[in-house]
Amino acid sequence: PRWRKRRRQTHRANAGRAPGAYLSASVLERLVESEFEASRAAFRAHLGYVPHVIAYPWMLGSTFSLHMARRHGFRAAFGVALDYAAERRRERLPLAVFGRLKCDWLRMLPGHARSSVLTAVRRKVSGLSAIQHLAH
């Protein structure tokens, strides 16, 4: 009971005590730039080319991240399911964005030992109360 009130009180009592600080906008931009540059260099070194499409591991990256991806030569981005719907409504995104299926839907693809749509839906519904695996 009254957990919201206790949470606010705890926050007020401890605000400002936590060590660390937010990055400034320029430092964050340099950090993200370095990540894109390092990944492009790794692709070029190991595969001999640099991809033009980026896949975010869970949800869509921020609009800032998409702008940075575009600046580094990416033309499209993928993320889980329909993560992009809200972003599309709010503003025009700098890249073409597409949803993708989570790995648990892969059993529905054609091939040996695949599940029916009904079986896959049953698993999804029964798994809603279970803890989801974070690695998509």
C-alpha atoms as a PDB file:
ATOM      1  CA  PRO A   1       0.000   0.000   0.000  1.00  0.00           C
ATOM      2  CA  ARG A   2       1.044   3.586  -0.723  1.00  0.00           C
ATOM      3  CA  TRP A   3       4.032   2.420  -2.764  1.00  0.00           C
ATOM      4  CA  ARG A   4       3.897   5.461  -5.037  1.00  0.00           C
ATOM      5  CA  LYS A   5       4.178   7.833  -2.097  1.00  0.00           C
ATOM      6  CA  ARG A   6       7.079   5.812  -0.630  1.00  0.00           C
ATOM      7  CA  ARG A   7       8.819   5.743  -4.011  1.00  0.00           C
ATOM      8  CA  ARG A   8       8.550   9.554  -4.330  1.00  0.00           C
ATOM      9  CA  GLN A   9       9.850  10.013  -0.780  1.00  0.00           C
ATOM     10  CA  THR A  10      12.792   7.709  -1.448  1.00  0.00           C
ATOM     11  CA  HIS A  11      13.580   9.506  -4.683  1.00  0.00           C
ATOM     12  CA  ARG A  12      13.465  12.951  -3.018  1.00  0.00           C
ATOM     13  CA  ALA A  13      15.642  11.753  -0.143  1.00  0.00           C
ATOM     14  CA  ASN A  14      18.290  10.280  -2.446  1.00  0.00           C
ATOM     15  CA  ALA A  15      18.190  12.606  -5.452  1.00  0.00           C
ATOM     16  CA  GLY A  16      21.621  14.041  -6.102  1.00  0.00           C
ATOM     17  CA  ARG A  17      23.423  11.476  -3.937  1.00  0.00           C
ATOM     18  CA  ALA A  18      24.058   8.958  -6.692  1.00  0.00           C
ATOM     19  CA  PRO A  19      27.604   9.118  -8.087  1.00  0.00           C
ATOM     20  CA  GLY A  20      28.115   9.839 -11.748  1.00  0.00           C
ATOM     21  CA  ALA A  21      26.689  12.296 -14.203  1.00  0.00           C
ATOM     22  CA  TYR A  22      24.942  12.409 -17.534  1.00  0.00           C
ATOM     23  CA  LEU A  23      27.089  12.812 -20.620  1.00  0.00           C
ATOM     24  CA  SER A  24      27.006  16.143 -22.344  1.00  0.00           C
ATOM     25  CA  ALA A  25      25.441  16.154 -25.813  1.00  0.00           C
ATOM     26  CA  SER A  26      28.827  16.553 -27.519  1.00  0.00           C
ATOM     27  CA  VAL A  27      30.422  13.702 -25.537  1.00  0.00           C
ATOM     28  CA  LEU A  28      27.445  11.424 -26.265  1.00  0.00           C
ATOM     29  CA  GLU A  29      27.646  12.271 -29.962  1.00  0.00           C
ATOM     30  CA  ARG A  30      31.384  11.448 -30.079  1.00  0.00           C
ATOM     31  CA  LEU A  31      30.741   8.169 -28.234  1.00  0.00           C
ATOM     32  CA  VAL A  32      27.987   7.083 -30.648  1.00  0.00           C
ATOM     33  CA  GLU A  33      30.123   8.183 -33.629  1.00  0.00           C
ATOM     34  CA  SER A  34      33.003   6.042 -32.358  1.00  0.00           C
ATOM     35  CA  GLU A  35      30.691   3.009 -32.077  1.00  0.00           C
ATOM     36  CA  PHE A  36      29.505   3.383 -35.668  1.00  0.00           C
ATOM     37  CA  GLU A  37      33.068   3.920 -36.929  1.00  0.00           C
ATOM     38  CA  ALA A  38      34.401   0.891 -35.009  1.00  0.00           C
ATOM     39  CA  SER A  39      31.627  -1.400 -36.245  1.00  0.00           C
ATOM     40  CA  ARG A  40      32.088  -0.278 -39.859  1.00  0.00           C
ATOM     41  CA  ALA A  41      35.862  -0.856 -39.581  1.00  0.00           C
ATOM     42  CA  ALA A  42      35.254  -4.344 -38.142  1.00  0.00           C
ATOM     43  CA  PHE A  43      32.891  -5.267 -40.984  1.00  0.00           C
ATOM     44  CA  ARG A  44      35.353  -4.013 -43.573  1.00  0.00           C
ATOM     45  CA  ALA A  45      38.249  -5.887 -41.943  1.00  0.00           C
ATOM     46  CA  HIS A  46      36.439  -9.205 -41.441  1.00  0.00           C
ATOM     47  CA  LEU A  47      34.005  -9.318 -44.365  1.00  0.00           C
ATOM     48  CA  GLY A  48      35.539  -6.969 -46.891  1.00  0.00           C
ATOM     49  CA  TYR A  49      32.507  -4.659 -47.095  1.00  0.00           C
ATOM     50  CA  VAL A  50      30.383  -2.380 -44.972  1.00  0.00           C
ATOM     51  CA  PRO A  51      26.635  -3.085 -44.687  1.00  0.00           C
ATOM     52  CA  HIS A  52      24.018  -0.439 -45.464  1.00  0.00           C
ATOM     53  CA  VAL A  53      21.360  -1.825 -43.089  1.00  0.00           C
ATOM     54  CA  ILE A  54      21.406  -1.858 -39.279  1.00  0.00           C
ATOM     55  CA  ALA A  55      19.416  -4.160 -36.991  1.00  0.00           C
ATOM     56  CA  TYR A  56      18.710  -3.009 -33.462  1.00  0.00           C
ATOM     57  CA  PRO A  57      18.739  -5.952 -31.034  1.00  0.00           C
ATOM     58  CA  TRP A  58      15.454  -5.106 -29.284  1.00  0.00           C
ATOM     59  CA  MET A  59      13.543  -1.924 -29.913  1.00  0.00           C
ATOM     60  CA  LEU A  60      14.170   0.854 -32.355  1.00  0.00           C
ATOM     61  CA  GLY A  61      17.127   3.047 -31.523  1.00  0.00           C
ATOM     62  CA  SER A  62      16.462   6.671 -30.749  1.00  0.00           C
ATOM     63  CA  THR A  63      15.889   9.234 -33.474  1.00  0.00           C
ATOM     64  CA  PHE A  64      19.367  10.534 -32.589  1.00  0.00           C
ATOM     65  CA  SER A  65      20.815   7.074 -33.216  1.00  0.00           C
ATOM     66  CA  LEU A  66      19.000   6.820 -36.548  1.00  0.00           C
ATOM     67  CA  HIS A  67      20.391  10.201 -37.627  1.00  0.00           C
ATOM     68  CA  MET A  68      23.871   8.998 -36.713  1.00  0.00           C
ATOM     69  CA  ALA A  69      23.334   5.748 -38.600  1.00  0.00           C
ATOM     70  CA  ARG A  70      22.306   7.702 -41.681  1.00  0.00           C
ATOM     71  CA  ARG A  71      25.373   9.924 -41.333  1.00  0.00           C
ATOM     72  CA  HIS A  72      27.504   6.750 -41.379  1.00  0.00           C
ATOM     73  CA  GLY A  73      26.000   5.383 -44.563  1.00  0.00           C
ATOM     74  CA  PHE A  74      23.116   3.224 -43.362  1.00  0.00           C
ATOM     75  CA  ARG A  75      19.986   3.324 -45.511  1.00  0.00           C
ATOM     76  CA  ALA A  76      17.552   1.267 -43.415  1.00  0.00           C
ATOM     77  CA  ALA A  77      17.035  -0.072 -39.886  1.00  0.00           C
ATOM     78  CA  PHE A  78      15.271  -3.124 -38.467  1.00  0.00           C
ATOM     79  CA  GLY A  79      13.895  -3.692 -34.960  1.00  0.00           C
ATOM     80  CA  VAL A  80      11.626  -6.147 -33.174  1.00  0.00           C
ATOM     81  CA  ALA A  81       8.004  -6.386 -34.320  1.00  0.00           C
ATOM     82  CA  LEU A  82       6.229  -3.037 -34.737  1.00  0.00           C
ATOM     83  CA  ASP A  83       8.469  -0.888 -32.558  1.00  0.00           C
ATOM     84  CA  TYR A  84       8.488   1.851 -35.163  1.00  0.00           C
ATOM     85  CA  ALA A  85       4.777   2.683 -35.282  1.00  0.00           C
ATOM     86  CA  ALA A  86       4.824   5.397 -32.588  1.00  0.00           C
ATOM     87  CA  GLU A  87       8.012   6.973 -33.946  1.00  0.00           C
ATOM     88  CA  ARG A  88       6.561   7.133 -37.461  1.00  0.00           C
ATOM     89  CA  ARG A  89       3.563   9.080 -36.197  1.00  0.00           C
ATOM     90  CA  ARG A  90       5.637  11.584 -34.209  1.00  0.00           C
ATOM     91  CA  GLU A  91       8.117  12.608 -36.846  1.00  0.00           C
ATOM     92  CA  ARG A  92       9.642  11.689 -40.132  1.00  0.00           C
ATOM     93  CA  LEU A  93      12.532   9.324 -39.479  1.00  0.00           C
ATOM     94  CA  PRO A  94      15.915   9.753 -41.195  1.00  0.00           C
ATOM     95  CA  LEU A  95      15.998   6.094 -42.354  1.00  0.00           C
ATOM     96  CA  ALA A  96      13.516   3.614 -43.688  1.00  0.00           C
ATOM     97  CA  VAL A  97      12.538   1.451 -40.706  1.00  0.00           C
ATOM     98  CA  PHE A  98      11.094  -2.060 -40.665  1.00  0.00           C
ATOM     99  CA  GLY A  99       9.849  -4.416 -37.976  1.00  0.00           C
ATOM    100  CA  ARG A 100      11.200  -7.914 -37.583  1.00  0.00           C
ATOM    101  CA  LEU A 101       9.957 -11.020 -35.820  1.00  0.00           C
ATOM    102  CA  LYS A 102      11.338 -12.193 -32.507  1.00  0.00           C
ATOM    103  CA  CYS A 103      13.101 -15.542 -32.503  1.00  0.00           C
ATOM    104  CA  ASP A 104      10.147 -17.340 -30.901  1.00  0.00           C
ATOM    105  CA  TRP A 105       8.154 -16.810 -34.106  1.00  0.00           C
ATOM    106  CA  LEU A 106      10.820 -18.565 -36.195  1.00  0.00           C
ATOM    107  CA  ARG A 107       9.147 -21.924 -35.495  1.00  0.00           C
ATOM    108  CA  MET A 108       6.325 -20.813 -37.796  1.00  0.00           C
ATOM    109  CA  LEU A 109       8.578 -20.518 -40.839  1.00  0.00           C
ATOM    110  CA  PRO A 110       8.384 -23.313 -43.431  1.00  0.00           C
ATOM    111  CA  GLY A 111      10.611 -26.301 -42.803  1.00  0.00           C
ATOM    112  CA  HIS A 112      11.070 -29.472 -40.801  1.00  0.00           C
ATOM    113  CA  ALA A 113       9.347 -29.634 -37.376  1.00  0.00           C
ATOM    114  CA  ARG A 114       7.625 -26.283 -37.717  1.00  0.00           C
ATOM    115  CA  SER A 115       4.661 -25.360 -35.545  1.00  0.00           C
ATOM    116  CA  SER A 116       1.240 -24.393 -36.743  1.00  0.00           C
ATOM    117  CA  VAL A 117       0.093 -20.795 -36.298  1.00  0.00           C
ATOM    118  CA  LEU A 118      -2.337 -21.928 -33.607  1.00  0.00           C
ATOM    119  CA  THR A 119       0.426 -23.687 -31.645  1.00  0.00           C
ATOM    120  CA  ALA A 120       2.673 -20.641 -31.883  1.00  0.00           C
ATOM    121  CA  VAL A 121      -0.115 -18.335 -30.674  1.00  0.00           C
ATOM    122  CA  ARG A 122      -0.861 -20.678 -27.768  1.00  0.00           C
ATOM    123  CA  ARG A 123       2.810 -20.605 -26.751  1.00  0.00           C
ATOM    124  CA  LYS A 124       2.872 -16.805 -26.969  1.00  0.00           C
ATOM    125  CA  VAL A 125      -0.247 -16.446 -24.817  1.00  0.00           C
ATOM    126  CA  SER A 126       0.870 -18.997 -22.237  1.00  0.00           C
ATOM    127  CA  GLY A 127       4.305 -17.365 -22.085  1.00  0.00           C
ATOM    128  CA  LEU A 128       2.970 -13.896 -21.270  1.00  0.00           C
ATOM    129  CA  SER A 129       3.192 -14.593 -17.557  1.00  0.00           C
ATOM    130  CA  ALA A 130       6.632 -16.167 -17.824  1.00  0.00           C
ATOM    131  CA  ILE A 131       9.860 -14.207 -17.863  1.00  0.00           C
ATOM    132  CA  GLN A 132      10.884 -13.509 -21.445  1.00  0.00           C
ATOM    133  CA  HIS A 133      14.388 -14.290 -22.574  1.00  0.00           C
ATOM    134  CA  LEU A 134      16.143 -10.999 -23.327  1.00  0.00           C
ATOM    135  CA  ALA A 135      18.321 -12.201 -26.199  1.00  0.00           C
ATOM    136  CA  HIS A 136      16.194 -11.802 -29.280  1.00  0.00           C
END
